[in-house]
């Protein structure tokens, strides 16, 4: 035993698979199906590339791999004019060790200013306990927003 052995973390989640249980595989499968359903709502090639990278990330995670695609999708709308407006969107952000599902609301009134509110529905990490209920709420909210006039999918791919 060396003096540095105490610093070795045998329980490190650095290489833990994304889905360790059937419940976690079900969560990833729900996200995969959601992403497949978004194809018709993307407006540009860049949006489709980000959507494709997100889909590849989830599929690789389901196969037991540790994907390293970094992308972000937003689903929602922004309405208004120079006097006022609102925007609501849910975000789907992927890093190699994190899936973040959040929501942002913004409002603007010319005489008052702007206000923003953001909160997480769920943040998933490989090897950690997941909030499956938060994922279900995020999917429900995304579907609700897709039904709004002017809603779309936008995305960025971080290469």
Protein backbone atom coordinates (compact mmCIF):
# COMPACT_ATOMS: atom_id res chain seq x y z
CA UNK A 1 0.00 0.00 0.00
CA UNK A 2 1.31 3.44 -0.97
CA UNK A 3 0.50 6.73 0.77
CA UNK A 4 -1.62 7.68 -2.24
CA UNK A 5 -3.88 4.60 -2.19
CA UNK A 6 -6.35 6.38 0.07
CA UNK A 7 -7.01 8.84 -2.75
CA UNK A 8 -8.00 6.14 -5.24
CA UNK A 9 -11.77 6.24 -5.54
CA UNK A 10 -12.92 2.74 -6.42
CA UNK A 11 -16.53 3.94 -6.41
CA UNK A 12 -15.89 6.69 -8.95
CA UNK A 13 -18.79 7.25 -11.35
CA UNK A 14 -16.42 8.47 -14.06
CA UNK A 15 -16.94 5.31 -16.11
CA UNK A 16 -20.34 4.19 -14.81
CA UNK A 17 -22.77 3.25 -17.58
CA UNK A 18 -25.62 5.66 -18.17
CA UNK A 19 -28.33 3.08 -17.58
CA UNK A 20 -27.71 0.69 -14.68
CA UNK A 21 -31.27 -0.55 -14.24
CA UNK A 22 -34.34 -1.31 -16.30
CA UNK A 23 -36.00 1.82 -14.89
CA UNK A 24 -33.10 3.97 -16.13
CA UNK A 25 -33.25 2.28 -19.55
CA UNK A 26 -36.98 3.11 -19.63
CA UNK A 27 -36.20 6.78 -18.91
CA UNK A 28 -33.65 6.89 -21.74
CA UNK A 29 -36.08 5.14 -24.09
CA UNK A 30 -38.75 7.76 -23.30
CA UNK A 31 -36.26 10.51 -24.12
CA UNK A 32 -35.30 8.71 -27.35
CA UNK A 33 -38.94 8.51 -28.45
CA UNK A 34 -39.45 12.17 -27.58
CA UNK A 35 -36.45 13.16 -29.71
CA UNK A 36 -37.67 11.09 -32.65
CA UNK A 37 -40.97 12.94 -32.48
CA UNK A 38 -39.25 16.33 -32.76
CA UNK A 39 -37.88 15.87 -36.28
CA UNK A 40 -40.75 17.71 -37.97
CA UNK A 41 -40.48 20.71 -35.65
CA UNK A 42 -36.85 21.58 -36.40
CA UNK A 43 -36.51 24.55 -38.75
CA UNK A 44 -32.91 24.48 -39.91
CA UNK A 45 -30.16 22.03 -40.76
CA UNK A 46 -28.29 23.14 -37.62
CA UNK A 47 -31.35 22.27 -35.54
CA UNK A 48 -31.52 18.84 -37.16
CA UNK A 49 -27.80 18.25 -36.55
CA UNK A 50 -28.21 19.07 -32.84
CA UNK A 51 -31.28 16.84 -32.69
CA UNK A 52 -29.35 14.04 -34.41
CA UNK A 53 -26.45 14.39 -31.95
CA UNK A 54 -28.89 14.25 -29.02
CA UNK A 55 -30.51 11.14 -30.48
CA UNK A 56 -27.09 9.50 -30.99
CA UNK A 57 -26.17 10.33 -27.39
CA UNK A 58 -29.28 8.60 -26.03
CA UNK A 59 -28.90 5.60 -28.34
CA UNK A 60 -25.24 5.14 -27.38
CA UNK A 61 -26.16 5.45 -23.70
CA UNK A 62 -28.80 2.73 -24.19
CA UNK A 63 -26.08 0.51 -25.72
CA UNK A 64 -23.98 0.91 -22.58
CA UNK A 65 -21.51 3.40 -24.04
CA UNK A 66 -20.39 6.72 -22.52
CA UNK A 67 -21.16 9.17 -25.36
CA UNK A 68 -19.32 12.45 -25.62
CA UNK A 69 -21.68 14.43 -27.85
CA UNK A 70 -22.44 17.88 -26.50
CA UNK A 71 -25.61 19.50 -27.75
CA UNK A 72 -28.50 21.61 -26.62
CA UNK A 73 -32.10 21.68 -27.78
CA UNK A 74 -34.82 24.18 -26.94
CA UNK A 75 -38.49 23.50 -27.49
CA UNK A 76 -40.93 26.36 -27.19
CA UNK A 77 -41.95 29.76 -28.45
CA UNK A 78 -41.32 33.48 -28.18
CA UNK A 79 -44.12 35.96 -28.94
CA UNK A 80 -44.51 39.69 -28.86
CA UNK A 81 -43.33 42.96 -30.29
CA UNK A 82 -41.26 45.93 -29.16
CA UNK A 83 -43.85 46.79 -26.48
CA UNK A 84 -43.93 43.43 -24.78
CA UNK A 85 -43.78 39.75 -25.15
CA UNK A 86 -43.25 36.38 -23.59
CA UNK A 87 -41.31 33.24 -24.19
CA UNK A 88 -41.48 29.76 -22.76
CA UNK A 89 -39.21 26.90 -23.64
CA UNK A 90 -37.86 23.69 -22.23
CA UNK A 91 -34.22 22.82 -22.64
CA UNK A 92 -32.51 19.50 -23.26
CA UNK A 93 -28.78 19.87 -22.65
CA UNK A 94 -26.29 17.02 -23.03
CA UNK A 95 -22.77 16.78 -21.71
CA UNK A 96 -20.78 13.55 -21.49
CA UNK A 97 -21.64 13.26 -17.78
CA UNK A 98 -24.97 15.08 -17.56
CA UNK A 99 -28.42 15.30 -19.11
CA UNK A 100 -30.21 18.45 -18.00
CA UNK A 101 -33.93 18.96 -18.58
CA UNK A 102 -35.03 22.47 -17.64
CA UNK A 103 -37.62 25.15 -18.34
CA UNK A 104 -37.28 28.89 -18.82
CA UNK A 105 -39.97 31.55 -18.92
CA UNK A 106 -39.38 35.14 -19.89
CA UNK A 107 -41.59 38.19 -20.07
CA UNK A 108 -40.92 41.69 -21.34
CA UNK A 109 -42.87 44.92 -21.02
CA UNK A 110 -41.38 48.04 -22.50
CA UNK A 111 -42.21 50.26 -19.51
CA UNK A 112 -41.33 47.66 -16.87
CA UNK A 113 -38.42 45.64 -18.24
CA UNK A 114 -37.86 41.93 -18.43
CA UNK A 115 -38.14 39.02 -16.05
CA UNK A 116 -36.77 35.50 -16.41
CA UNK A 117 -37.44 32.36 -14.43
CA UNK A 118 -35.63 29.05 -14.89
CA UNK A 119 -35.84 25.74 -13.08
CA UNK A 120 -34.71 22.16 -13.56
CA UNK A 121 -37.21 19.37 -14.13
CA UNK A 122 -34.44 16.77 -13.83
CA UNK A 123 -30.65 16.48 -14.05
CA UNK A 124 -29.39 12.97 -14.77
CA UNK A 125 -25.87 11.69 -14.10
CA UNK A 126 -24.48 8.24 -14.91
CA UNK A 127 -24.12 6.09 -11.81
CA UNK A 128 -26.41 8.31 -9.71
CA UNK A 129 -30.08 8.01 -8.77
CA UNK A 130 -32.44 9.56 -11.34
CA UNK A 131 -35.62 11.61 -10.99
CA UNK A 132 -37.87 9.69 -13.41
CA UNK A 133 -40.89 11.79 -12.39
CA UNK A 134 -39.04 14.96 -13.38
CA UNK A 135 -38.28 13.46 -16.78
CA UNK A 136 -41.96 12.60 -17.28
CA UNK A 137 -42.97 16.16 -16.30
CA UNK A 138 -40.41 17.59 -18.74
CA UNK A 139 -41.68 15.40 -21.61
CA UNK A 140 -45.26 16.40 -20.82
CA UNK A 141 -44.32 20.08 -20.76
CA UNK A 142 -42.38 19.75 -24.04
CA UNK A 143 -45.40 18.14 -25.73
CA UNK A 144 -47.64 20.88 -24.34
CA UNK A 145 -45.34 23.60 -25.72
CA UNK A 146 -45.15 21.90 -29.13
CA UNK A 147 -48.93 22.39 -29.37
CA UNK A 148 -48.57 26.17 -28.98
CA UNK A 149 -48.75 28.46 -31.99
CA UNK A 150 -45.28 29.36 -33.21
CA UNK A 151 -43.52 26.62 -31.24
CA UNK A 152 -40.39 25.12 -32.71
CA UNK A 153 -37.27 23.15 -31.94
CA UNK A 154 -33.94 24.90 -32.08
CA UNK A 155 -30.57 23.43 -31.32
CA UNK A 156 -26.85 23.91 -31.13
CA UNK A 157 -24.16 21.31 -31.52
CA UNK A 158 -20.98 21.90 -29.52
CA UNK A 159 -18.21 20.19 -31.44
